[in-house]
Amino acid sequence: MIKKVVFICGAGHSGSTLLGLLLGSHSKCFYLGEANKVQYLYNTDQPEKRRYCKVCGAECKVWKEYSQKNDNEYDIYTGLEKIIENEVVIDSSKELNWLRGKINFLSSRKDREIYLIYLKRDGRAVINSRLRKQTDSSYTDIVQQWIMQVQDTNRIYNEFDGFKTIVPYHKLTKEPERVLRELCNVLNIGYEDRMLHFYEEEHHPLGGNNGTQFLLNRVREKEALPHKVGMKKAYFASHPQKVKHDNRWKLELPEEARLVFAKLASELNESFREE
C-alpha cells in the first residue's frame, strides 16, 4: 500500500531525475519520474518519449499494466498500488498546476502522507542547460522563464504546511550519502547504500532527463531501445557510474547570458547560488 507521496519541486534542469533515481533505488520507494505524463501513456498522438516508460518502452511491466487497469486517471496512487508493492512513491513533475492539484487532492484524502523536497540549483547552471535546447530563445526569455518558475515554486513551498525540506543541488552531488541520509530521516525510512548505486537498480520513470537516464541504459546495455532514450552525448558517454557534480556552466555560460542573469535574477538566485 502506498503510504507516502514525495514531490520533488524546483526549476527544470535542477537534477530532479537524479534525485528521483537515487531515492527510487531504496527498497521501499518507487520513482514515478514525471508522473504528470500519465496523461500521455500509450497515446499514439504523442511522441514516444512521452507515452512510454523511458527505460522499458512500450512493454514496461508497470506502466503497460497501469494503463490497462487504472480507471481513475486523477488518483494515480490507487491505480499504482495494485501493481507495485512500494510504500513510498516519488514524483518529479515540474508542471506546477499538477503539483498543486495533487497536493490538494492528497490533503483532502488524509490517507497518505505528503512530502515536498525543493531541489535548488544555481540559476546560472539551469540557464546554461536550457540554452542547449532552447536555441531559438533569447537570454532574456530563458532567464524570465526561470524567474517565473522559481517564484511560483517558492509560493507553493512556502504555503505547504506538511513535511518539507530544501536540498541544494551542489550538496547532493558533492555529498550524496550525507544528503540521502538526511532525506531518509525526513521520510522516516532507513538509509540504504544501494541508493548510491542507482544505475544498478530497476527503474520505470516517465519523462525526465535523457542524459541521467543514459547511465541506466549504459550499465544494462540497453542503448538501442526503440524510443532512443540514451542519447550518447560526450558528457554522459564518459560519465562515471556514480553521482558526479555538474558545473559545466562555469566554463560554458556565455558572458552576455551571465550579464542578463545578473541584471534580472541575481537577488532571487541568492538562496540557489553555488560559488
Protein backbone atom coordinates (compact mmCIF):
# COMPACT_ATOMS: atom_id res chain seq x y z
CA MET A 1 0.00 0.00 0.00
CA ILE A 2 1.28 3.47 -0.87
CA LYS A 3 1.64 5.39 2.40
CA LYS A 4 3.78 8.34 1.35
CA VAL A 5 3.93 10.54 -1.74
CA VAL A 6 7.09 12.59 -2.23
CA PHE A 7 7.13 15.51 -4.65
CA ILE A 8 10.43 16.92 -5.91
CA CYS A 9 9.85 20.51 -6.98
CA GLY A 10 12.11 23.16 -8.47
CA ALA A 11 13.12 24.54 -11.83
CA GLY A 12 13.62 22.10 -14.69
CA HIS A 13 17.26 21.03 -15.23
CA SER A 14 17.97 21.16 -11.50
CA GLY A 15 18.78 17.45 -11.05
CA SER A 16 15.37 16.09 -10.10
CA THR A 17 15.78 12.99 -12.31
CA LEU A 18 19.00 12.16 -10.48
CA LEU A 19 17.45 12.69 -7.05
CA GLY A 20 14.38 10.68 -8.06
CA LEU A 21 16.52 7.76 -9.22
CA LEU A 22 18.58 7.88 -6.03
CA LEU A 23 15.51 7.82 -3.79
CA GLY A 24 13.75 5.35 -6.07
CA SER A 25 16.58 2.87 -5.54
CA HIS A 26 15.51 2.44 -1.91
CA SER A 27 13.72 -0.86 -1.32
CA LYS A 28 10.61 0.94 -0.03
CA CYS A 29 10.46 3.52 -2.81
CA PHE A 30 9.26 3.70 -6.41
CA TYR A 31 10.26 6.58 -8.65
CA LEU A 32 7.42 7.60 -10.99
CA GLY A 33 9.50 10.06 -12.97
CA GLU A 34 7.36 12.99 -14.12
CA ALA A 35 4.03 11.50 -13.14
CA ASN A 36 2.02 14.17 -14.92
CA LYS A 37 2.90 12.30 -18.11
CA VAL A 38 0.44 9.53 -17.24
CA GLN A 39 -1.98 11.52 -19.38
CA TYR A 40 0.11 10.62 -22.44
CA LEU A 41 0.51 6.90 -21.77
CA TYR A 42 0.10 4.82 -24.95
CA ASN A 43 -1.42 7.79 -26.77
CA THR A 44 -0.25 7.44 -30.37
CA ASP A 45 -0.82 11.17 -30.93
CA GLN A 46 2.12 11.83 -28.60
CA PRO A 47 5.86 11.32 -29.28
CA GLU A 48 7.31 8.07 -27.94
CA LYS A 49 9.35 9.82 -25.26
CA ARG A 50 6.09 10.96 -23.65
CA ARG A 51 3.91 7.92 -23.98
CA TYR A 52 6.17 5.15 -22.67
CA CYS A 53 8.43 4.30 -19.75
CA LYS A 54 11.78 5.89 -20.53
CA VAL A 55 13.70 2.71 -19.71
CA CYS A 56 11.49 -0.15 -20.87
CA GLY A 57 9.50 1.40 -23.67
CA ALA A 58 6.06 0.13 -24.69
CA GLU A 59 6.44 -3.21 -22.88
CA CYS A 60 7.03 -1.75 -19.41
CA LYS A 61 5.58 -4.17 -16.87
CA VAL A 62 4.42 -1.30 -14.65
CA TRP A 63 3.03 1.39 -16.94
CA LYS A 64 1.54 -1.01 -19.50
CA GLU A 65 -0.42 -2.75 -16.77
CA TYR A 66 -1.33 0.58 -15.21
CA SER A 67 -2.73 1.89 -18.49
CA GLN A 68 -4.86 -1.25 -18.86
CA LYS A 69 -6.19 -1.38 -15.31
CA ASN A 70 -6.45 2.15 -13.99
CA ASP A 71 -9.97 3.55 -14.08
CA ASN A 72 -9.25 6.89 -12.40
CA GLU A 73 -6.54 8.96 -14.09
CA TYR A 74 -6.59 11.58 -11.36
CA ASP A 75 -5.95 9.16 -8.49
CA ILE A 76 -2.83 7.53 -9.92
CA TYR A 77 -1.84 6.19 -6.49
CA THR A 78 -4.75 3.80 -6.10
CA GLY A 79 -4.08 2.55 -9.60
CA LEU A 80 -0.38 2.04 -8.93
CA GLU A 81 -0.71 0.23 -5.63
CA LYS A 82 -2.49 -2.55 -7.49
CA ILE A 83 0.77 -3.10 -9.35
CA ILE A 84 3.72 -2.12 -7.14
CA GLU A 85 4.45 -3.10 -3.54
CA ASN A 86 6.38 0.00 -2.51
CA GLU A 87 5.20 2.19 0.35
CA VAL A 88 6.72 5.42 -0.97
CA VAL A 89 6.35 6.93 -4.45
CA ILE A 90 8.40 9.85 -5.77
CA ASP A 91 7.12 12.31 -8.37
CA SER A 92 9.43 14.87 -10.03
CA SER A 93 6.82 16.57 -12.23
CA LYS A 94 7.65 20.21 -12.98
CA GLU A 95 4.12 21.19 -14.01
CA LEU A 96 3.07 23.41 -11.13
CA ASN A 97 -0.66 23.03 -11.72
CA TRP A 98 -0.17 19.27 -11.43
CA LEU A 99 1.78 19.73 -8.20
CA ARG A 100 -0.88 21.99 -6.69
CA GLY A 101 -3.67 19.68 -7.77
CA LYS A 102 -2.05 16.54 -6.37
CA ILE A 103 -1.17 18.22 -3.06
CA ASN A 104 -4.76 19.44 -2.69
CA PHE A 105 -6.14 16.04 -3.65
CA LEU A 106 -3.95 14.13 -1.21
CA SER A 107 -4.57 16.68 1.56
CA SER A 108 -8.30 16.20 1.19
CA ARG A 109 -7.98 12.41 1.35
CA LYS A 110 -5.84 12.30 4.50
CA ASP A 111 -4.90 8.66 3.84
CA ARG A 112 -1.35 9.27 2.62
CA GLU A 113 1.47 11.42 3.95
CA ILE A 114 2.78 14.14 1.62
CA TYR A 115 6.40 15.26 1.45
CA LEU A 116 7.82 18.16 -0.53
CA ILE A 117 11.50 18.35 -1.48
CA TYR A 118 12.64 21.61 -3.03
CA LEU A 119 15.73 20.92 -5.13
CA LYS A 120 17.59 24.19 -5.60
CA ARG A 121 20.26 24.60 -8.26
CA ASP A 122 22.14 27.77 -9.15
CA GLY A 123 20.06 29.54 -11.77
CA ARG A 124 23.12 30.07 -13.95
CA ALA A 125 23.58 26.31 -14.25
CA VAL A 126 19.90 25.91 -15.15
CA ILE A 127 20.13 28.64 -17.79
CA ASN A 128 23.22 27.02 -19.27
CA SER A 129 21.43 23.68 -19.53
CA ARG A 130 18.36 25.23 -21.12
CA LEU A 131 20.47 27.04 -23.71
CA ARG A 132 21.43 23.65 -25.16
CA LYS A 133 17.79 23.00 -26.04
CA GLN A 134 16.18 26.42 -26.42
CA THR A 135 18.49 27.57 -29.18
CA ASP A 136 15.90 29.97 -30.64
CA SER A 137 15.12 31.73 -27.34
CA SER A 138 16.81 34.92 -26.17
CA TYR A 139 18.82 35.05 -22.96
CA THR A 140 16.20 37.37 -21.50
CA ASP A 141 13.35 34.97 -22.28
CA ILE A 142 15.14 32.00 -20.73
CA VAL A 143 16.05 33.94 -17.59
CA GLN A 144 12.46 35.22 -17.27
CA GLN A 145 11.19 31.65 -17.54
CA TRP A 146 13.46 30.63 -14.67
CA ILE A 147 12.32 33.59 -12.57
CA MET A 148 8.63 32.81 -13.03
CA GLN A 149 9.05 29.12 -12.27
CA VAL A 150 11.12 29.81 -9.16
CA GLN A 151 8.69 32.45 -7.88
CA ASP A 152 5.73 30.08 -8.35
CA THR A 153 7.60 27.19 -6.76
CA ASN A 154 8.57 29.40 -3.81
CA ARG A 155 4.89 30.18 -3.24
CA ILE A 156 3.91 26.52 -3.31
CA TYR A 157 6.73 25.56 -0.95
CA ASN A 158 6.03 28.40 1.50
CA GLU A 159 2.30 27.67 1.56
CA PHE A 160 2.76 23.93 2.05
CA ASP A 161 2.31 23.05 5.73
CA GLY A 162 3.35 19.39 5.61
CA PHE A 163 6.72 17.66 5.70
CA LYS A 164 9.13 19.66 3.58
CA THR A 165 12.84 20.25 3.13
CA ILE A 166 15.27 22.06 0.82
CA VAL A 167 18.11 20.24 -0.94
CA PRO A 168 20.84 22.28 -2.71
CA TYR A 169 21.92 20.52 -5.90
CA HIS A 170 25.63 21.09 -5.24
CA LYS A 171 25.37 19.45 -1.82
CA LEU A 172 23.52 16.47 -3.28
CA THR A 173 26.15 15.92 -5.95
CA LYS A 174 29.19 16.62 -3.77
CA GLU A 175 27.99 14.80 -0.63
CA PRO A 176 25.33 12.37 -1.87
CA GLU A 177 25.50 9.94 1.03
CA ARG A 178 25.10 12.65 3.66
CA VAL A 179 22.19 14.27 1.83
CA LEU A 180 20.46 10.92 1.24
CA ARG A 181 20.82 10.01 4.90
CA GLU A 182 19.20 13.31 5.84
CA LEU A 183 16.36 12.73 3.39
CA CYS A 184 15.81 9.21 4.70
CA ASN A 185 15.46 10.70 8.18
CA VAL A 186 12.89 13.18 6.86
CA LEU A 187 10.97 10.38 5.14
CA ASN A 188 11.37 8.11 8.18
CA ILE A 189 12.92 5.28 6.21
CA GLY A 190 16.28 3.69 6.93
CA TYR A 191 19.20 4.66 4.73
CA GLU A 192 20.35 2.02 2.23
CA ASP A 193 23.72 2.00 0.42
CA ARG A 194 22.04 0.72 -2.74
CA MET A 195 20.70 4.23 -3.30
CA LEU A 196 24.17 5.41 -4.32
CA HIS A 197 24.25 2.66 -6.96
CA PHE A 198 21.03 3.80 -8.61
CA TYR A 199 22.28 2.77 -12.05
CA GLU A 200 22.19 -0.90 -10.94
CA GLU A 201 18.58 -0.82 -9.75
CA GLU A 202 15.33 -1.33 -11.66
CA HIS A 203 13.55 1.88 -12.65
CA HIS A 204 10.43 2.78 -14.65
CA PRO A 205 10.39 6.59 -14.99
CA LEU A 206 8.07 8.65 -17.14
CA GLY A 207 9.78 11.66 -18.71
CA GLY A 208 12.91 13.09 -17.15
CA ASN A 209 16.44 13.86 -18.21
CA ASN A 210 17.77 11.71 -21.06
CA GLY A 211 21.39 12.14 -20.05
CA THR A 212 20.93 10.90 -16.50
CA GLN A 213 18.80 8.00 -17.73
CA PHE A 214 21.52 7.09 -20.19
CA LEU A 215 23.57 5.91 -17.20
CA LEU A 216 20.88 3.29 -16.53
CA ASN A 217 20.86 2.16 -20.13
CA ARG A 218 24.63 2.01 -20.42
CA VAL A 219 25.15 -0.29 -17.47
CA ARG A 220 22.33 -2.56 -18.69
CA GLU A 221 23.44 -2.38 -22.31
CA LYS A 222 20.10 -1.03 -23.47
CA GLU A 223 21.29 1.83 -25.63
CA ALA A 224 19.37 0.50 -28.63
CA LEU A 225 15.89 0.88 -27.17
CA PRO A 226 13.32 1.74 -29.85
CA HIS A 227 12.36 5.02 -28.17
CA LYS A 228 16.04 6.09 -28.14
CA VAL A 229 16.32 7.12 -24.51
CA GLY A 230 20.07 7.35 -24.03
CA MET A 231 21.44 9.99 -26.37
CA LYS A 232 25.20 9.41 -26.34
CA LYS A 233 26.36 12.91 -25.67
CA ALA A 234 30.06 13.15 -24.91
CA TYR A 235 29.48 14.29 -21.33
CA PHE A 236 27.36 11.28 -20.37
CA ALA A 237 29.26 8.81 -22.54
CA SER A 238 32.31 9.41 -20.32
CA HIS A 239 30.33 9.88 -17.08
CA PRO A 240 31.48 7.60 -14.23
CA GLN A 241 29.00 5.15 -12.71
CA LYS A 242 28.38 7.33 -9.69
CA VAL A 243 26.94 10.70 -8.70
CA LYS A 244 29.02 13.46 -10.24
CA HIS A 245 28.77 17.21 -9.74
CA ASP A 246 27.99 19.03 -12.99
CA ASN A 247 29.48 22.52 -13.08
CA ARG A 248 29.78 22.88 -16.86
CA TRP A 249 28.05 26.25 -16.65
CA LYS A 250 31.19 27.83 -15.19
CA LEU A 251 33.00 27.22 -18.49
CA GLU A 252 30.14 27.25 -20.97
CA LEU A 253 27.72 30.02 -19.98
CA PRO A 254 28.25 32.98 -22.37
CA GLU A 255 29.26 36.26 -20.79
CA GLU A 256 26.23 38.03 -22.25
CA ALA A 257 23.93 35.46 -20.62
CA ARG A 258 25.72 35.98 -17.30
CA LEU A 259 25.14 39.71 -17.53
CA VAL A 260 21.45 39.31 -18.33
CA PHE A 261 21.04 36.88 -15.44
CA ALA A 262 22.90 39.18 -13.03
CA LYS A 263 20.68 42.11 -14.00
CA LEU A 264 17.36 40.26 -13.75
CA ALA A 265 17.83 37.45 -11.24
CA SER A 266 20.88 37.91 -9.03
CA GLU A 267 18.85 38.69 -5.90
CA LEU A 268 16.41 35.81 -6.44
CA ASN A 269 19.37 33.48 -7.03
CA GLU A 270 20.99 34.13 -3.66
CA SER A 271 19.46 31.08 -1.98
CA PHE A 272 20.35 28.94 -5.03
CA ARG A 273 23.83 30.25 -5.56
CA GLU A 274 26.84 27.95 -5.96
CA GLU A 275 30.23 29.63 -5.67
